[in-house]
Amino acid sequence: MILTCPACATRYQADEAKFPPLGRQVRCAKCGHVWHQPGPVAAAESDAPPAPPPQAAEPSVSRARVFAPSASMPEEQGEPLARGAMLAVIAGWIGLIALIAAIGYAAMRYRQEIAVIWPQSAGVYSAMGIKLNPQGIDFTKVDYRRESEDGQIVLVVTGNIVNAGSRELSVPQNVRVTLSDDKNHEIYHWNFTPNVQALKPGQSSPFLTRLSTPPAAARHLEVRFAPHD
């Protein structure tokens, strides 16, 4: 069965078994024109002139994409480009989130080192409920006890001075012990000099200081570094 496009006169060879007597809609693969093609019985009754050798083509409504005009190709090619751009955006967001997570981890993992290098950051960590010592030198295991010597009460304060940083640090040479009452009002303080001048990372040094006849109202004790008087 020979089909001829009414618009561009392109001819096709088709299987007439696929055309019912009432005909069906077909589309030209060359120009995209759609027309109603009568069945083989109706075509036999027409006085159409003999057709030249047809081109091999088979119209089929179920395979309309075969007869789609070439103008649709840029749209189909644009789909992979749009998908690639979307993947690039997603990859960018994933990379940004990973970078922020890495910065957050480093800020927490090396918080003490950051506070030593940038003392102002201690205020930021403090707002987050994390207390840091910008000096990198801190006190641990602070304790006290009362002893009796020659009929007098002696307050003995002990503890460790430790380097919490990642590099060797100098130890401030003025430590102040403050006593306060039950309302946290200072009632007495004294200073002493540590027996170490520098500590390596993670290294600690014990200290001991004594006060004869401490105030009877003393309820709280604090040990900290202080500027020289």
Protein backbone atom coordinates (compact mmCIF):
# COMPACT_ATOMS: atom_id res chain seq x y z
CA MET A 1 0.00 0.00 0.00
CA ILE A 2 1.37 3.41 -1.06
CA LEU A 3 0.92 6.49 1.15
CA THR A 4 1.45 10.04 -0.16
CA CYS A 5 1.77 13.05 2.15
CA PRO A 6 -0.71 15.75 0.97
CA ALA A 7 1.64 18.48 2.22
CA CYS A 8 5.08 17.54 0.80
CA ALA A 9 4.20 14.66 -1.54
CA THR A 10 6.60 12.28 0.19
CA ARG A 11 5.61 8.68 -0.48
CA TYR A 12 5.83 5.69 1.87
CA GLN A 13 5.34 1.93 1.61
CA ALA A 14 2.87 0.74 4.32
CA ASP A 15 1.28 -2.55 5.30
CA GLU A 16 -2.36 -2.29 4.24
CA ALA A 17 -3.34 -4.86 6.85
CA LYS A 18 -2.83 -2.14 9.44
CA PHE A 19 -5.49 0.09 7.86
CA PRO A 20 -9.19 -0.65 8.49
CA PRO A 21 -11.71 0.08 5.72
CA LEU A 22 -12.58 3.42 7.37
CA GLY A 23 -8.91 4.41 7.43
CA ARG A 24 -6.76 5.96 10.21
CA GLN A 25 -4.65 9.01 11.09
CA VAL A 26 -0.99 9.03 9.99
CA ARG A 27 1.85 11.55 10.24
CA CYS A 28 4.54 12.38 7.70
CA ALA A 29 8.05 11.60 8.95
CA LYS A 30 9.47 14.37 6.78
CA CYS A 31 7.26 17.40 7.39
CA GLY A 32 5.13 16.26 10.35
CA HIS A 33 1.81 16.75 8.55
CA VAL A 34 -1.06 14.61 9.91
CA TRP A 35 -3.90 13.39 7.64
CA HIS A 36 -6.61 10.75 7.49
CA GLN A 37 -5.59 7.87 5.24
CA PRO A 38 -8.52 5.82 3.83
CA GLY A 39 -8.43 2.03 3.97
CA PRO A 40 -7.22 -0.12 1.04
CA VAL A 41 -10.77 -0.66 -0.31
CA ALA A 42 -11.43 3.06 -0.60
CA ALA A 43 -8.00 3.63 -2.09
CA ALA A 44 -8.61 0.98 -4.79
CA GLU A 45 -11.77 2.79 -5.93
CA SER A 46 -9.93 6.05 -6.48
CA ASP A 47 -8.35 6.95 -9.86
CA ALA A 48 -5.02 7.97 -8.43
CA PRO A 49 -2.13 7.83 -10.97
CA PRO A 50 0.53 5.14 -10.56
CA ALA A 51 2.89 5.99 -7.73
CA PRO A 52 6.68 6.11 -8.13
CA PRO A 53 8.83 3.66 -6.12
CA PRO A 54 8.00 4.43 -2.48
CA GLN A 55 10.42 5.06 0.36
CA ALA A 56 10.57 2.42 3.09
CA ALA A 57 8.47 3.76 5.98
CA GLU A 58 5.69 2.42 8.14
CA PRO A 59 3.17 4.87 9.69
CA SER A 60 2.02 3.95 13.14
CA VAL A 61 0.09 6.02 15.65
CA SER A 62 1.61 4.00 18.50
CA ARG A 63 5.08 5.09 17.35
CA ALA A 64 4.32 8.75 16.74
CA ARG A 65 7.86 9.74 17.85
CA VAL A 66 9.21 8.17 14.60
CA PHE A 67 7.24 10.71 12.57
CA ALA A 68 7.92 13.66 14.90
CA PRO A 69 9.49 16.67 13.14
CA SER A 70 13.19 17.33 13.71
CA ALA A 71 12.32 20.63 15.42
CA SER A 72 11.67 18.65 18.65
CA MET A 73 15.27 17.48 18.93
CA PRO A 74 16.66 20.60 20.73
CA GLU A 75 14.05 20.14 23.48
CA GLU A 76 15.05 16.49 23.94
CA GLN A 77 18.73 17.45 24.03
CA GLY A 78 17.95 20.16 26.59
CA GLU A 79 16.65 17.62 29.11
CA PRO A 80 20.13 16.11 29.86
CA LEU A 81 21.58 19.63 30.11
CA ALA A 82 18.93 20.66 32.65
CA ARG A 83 19.46 17.43 34.60
CA GLY A 84 23.22 18.04 34.66
CA ALA A 85 22.73 21.59 35.95
CA MET A 86 20.44 20.32 38.73
CA LEU A 87 23.02 17.70 39.75
CA ALA A 88 25.70 20.39 39.84
CA VAL A 89 23.56 22.53 42.17
CA ILE A 90 22.88 19.56 44.46
CA ALA A 91 26.60 18.69 44.52
CA GLY A 92 27.40 22.30 45.42
CA TRP A 93 25.01 22.27 48.38
CA ILE A 94 26.39 18.94 49.60
CA GLY A 95 29.92 20.33 49.42
CA LEU A 96 28.90 23.46 51.34
CA ILE A 97 27.21 21.42 54.08
CA ALA A 98 30.28 19.18 54.36
CA LEU A 99 32.53 22.25 54.66
CA ILE A 100 30.37 23.75 57.42
CA ALA A 101 30.35 20.42 59.27
CA ALA A 102 34.14 20.18 59.01
CA ILE A 103 34.56 23.72 60.35
CA GLY A 104 32.19 22.97 63.24
CA TYR A 105 34.06 19.79 64.12
CA ALA A 106 37.42 21.58 64.06
CA ALA A 107 36.03 24.42 66.19
CA MET A 108 34.98 21.94 68.88
CA ARG A 109 37.92 19.54 68.58
CA TYR A 110 40.55 22.28 68.83
CA ARG A 111 38.60 24.76 70.95
CA GLN A 112 41.31 25.09 73.58
CA GLU A 113 43.99 25.76 70.97
CA ILE A 114 41.72 28.32 69.28
CA ALA A 115 41.12 30.08 72.60
CA VAL A 116 44.86 30.32 73.19
CA ILE A 117 45.56 31.76 69.74
CA TRP A 118 42.43 33.93 69.66
CA PRO A 119 41.44 34.81 73.27
CA GLN A 120 38.28 36.66 72.13
CA SER A 121 36.81 33.32 71.05
CA ALA A 122 36.51 32.30 74.71
CA GLY A 123 33.51 34.61 74.96
CA VAL A 124 31.82 32.84 72.04
CA TYR A 125 32.40 29.42 73.59
CA SER A 126 31.21 30.75 76.96
CA ALA A 127 27.90 31.81 75.35
CA MET A 128 27.56 28.19 74.20
CA GLY A 129 28.07 26.96 77.76
CA ILE A 130 31.69 25.86 77.17
CA LYS A 131 34.21 27.34 79.56
CA LEU A 132 37.76 27.71 78.26
CA ASN A 133 40.98 29.20 79.55
CA PRO A 134 42.48 31.50 76.88
CA GLN A 135 45.88 31.12 78.53
CA GLY A 136 45.88 27.36 77.85
CA ILE A 137 47.10 26.81 81.44
CA ASP A 138 44.46 25.64 83.90
CA PHE A 139 43.96 24.16 87.36
CA THR A 140 42.75 20.64 88.07
CA LYS A 141 42.08 18.53 91.15
CA VAL A 142 41.95 21.58 93.42
CA ASP A 143 41.31 20.51 97.03
CA TYR A 144 41.81 21.79 100.57
CA ARG A 145 42.04 20.50 104.09
CA ARG A 146 42.41 21.93 107.58
CA GLU A 147 45.32 20.91 109.77
CA SER A 148 46.37 21.84 113.28
CA GLU A 149 49.92 23.04 113.92
CA ASP A 150 51.08 24.32 117.32
CA GLY A 151 47.51 24.83 118.36
CA GLN A 152 46.60 26.86 115.23
CA ILE A 153 44.38 25.94 112.29
CA VAL A 154 46.21 25.84 108.95
CA LEU A 155 44.36 25.75 105.62
CA VAL A 156 46.24 23.61 103.06
CA VAL A 157 45.28 24.04 99.40
CA THR A 158 46.54 21.55 96.78
CA GLY A 159 45.99 20.88 93.09
CA ASN A 160 47.64 20.62 89.68
CA ILE A 161 48.60 23.22 87.08
CA VAL A 162 48.13 21.66 83.63
CA ASN A 163 48.84 22.68 80.03
CA ALA A 164 45.60 21.99 78.11
CA GLY A 165 46.99 23.34 74.83
CA SER A 166 48.83 21.69 71.95
CA ARG A 167 52.17 23.51 72.37
CA GLU A 168 54.54 24.37 75.18
CA LEU A 169 53.29 27.32 77.23
CA SER A 170 54.72 29.55 79.93
CA VAL A 171 53.08 29.32 83.33
CA PRO A 172 51.97 32.67 84.85
CA GLN A 173 53.99 33.25 87.99
CA ASN A 174 51.27 34.75 90.15
CA VAL A 175 48.49 32.50 91.50
CA ARG A 176 45.78 33.91 93.74
CA VAL A 177 43.69 31.97 96.25
CA THR A 178 40.46 33.74 97.22
CA LEU A 179 38.22 32.90 100.19
CA SER A 180 34.59 34.03 100.23
CA ASP A 181 31.65 33.73 102.60
CA ASP A 182 28.33 31.95 102.09
CA LYS A 183 27.15 34.89 99.97
CA ASN A 184 30.22 34.69 97.73
CA HIS A 185 31.65 37.93 99.11
CA GLU A 186 35.44 37.94 99.19
CA ILE A 187 36.81 38.08 102.72
CA TYR A 188 40.46 37.22 102.13
CA HIS A 189 43.02 36.34 99.46
CA TRP A 190 46.71 35.57 99.13
CA ASN A 191 49.14 34.90 96.29
CA PHE A 192 51.84 32.33 95.70
CA THR A 193 54.37 31.51 92.95
CA PRO A 194 54.15 28.13 91.16
CA ASN A 195 57.19 25.88 91.22
CA VAL A 196 57.21 25.51 87.41
CA GLN A 197 57.77 28.11 84.68
CA ALA A 198 56.69 26.24 81.53
CA LEU A 199 54.70 23.14 80.68
CA LYS A 200 54.68 20.96 77.57
CA PRO A 201 51.36 19.91 75.97
CA GLY A 202 49.40 17.78 78.42
CA GLN A 203 52.01 18.15 81.14
CA SER A 204 50.95 19.04 84.70
CA SER A 205 52.71 20.17 87.87
CA PRO A 206 51.34 19.87 91.45
CA PHE A 207 51.12 22.87 93.76
CA LEU A 208 50.61 23.35 97.50
CA THR A 209 49.99 26.53 99.42
CA ARG A 210 49.13 27.14 103.10
CA LEU A 211 47.35 29.79 105.16
CA SER A 212 47.59 29.99 108.93
CA THR A 213 44.45 30.90 110.87
CA PRO A 214 42.02 31.20 107.94
CA PRO A 215 38.89 33.33 108.47
CA ALA A 216 36.16 31.40 110.26
CA ALA A 217 33.51 32.78 107.87
CA ALA A 218 35.24 31.30 104.81
CA ARG A 219 32.93 28.96 102.91
CA HIS A 220 34.23 29.01 99.32
CA LEU A 221 37.67 28.83 97.76
CA GLU A 222 38.85 29.89 94.30
CA VAL A 223 42.26 29.45 92.65
CA ARG A 224 43.16 31.51 89.57
CA PHE A 225 46.00 33.33 87.87
CA ALA A 226 46.23 37.01 88.68
CA PRO A 227 48.31 39.95 87.52
CA HIS A 228 51.26 40.85 89.68
CA ASP A 229 50.35 43.25 92.47
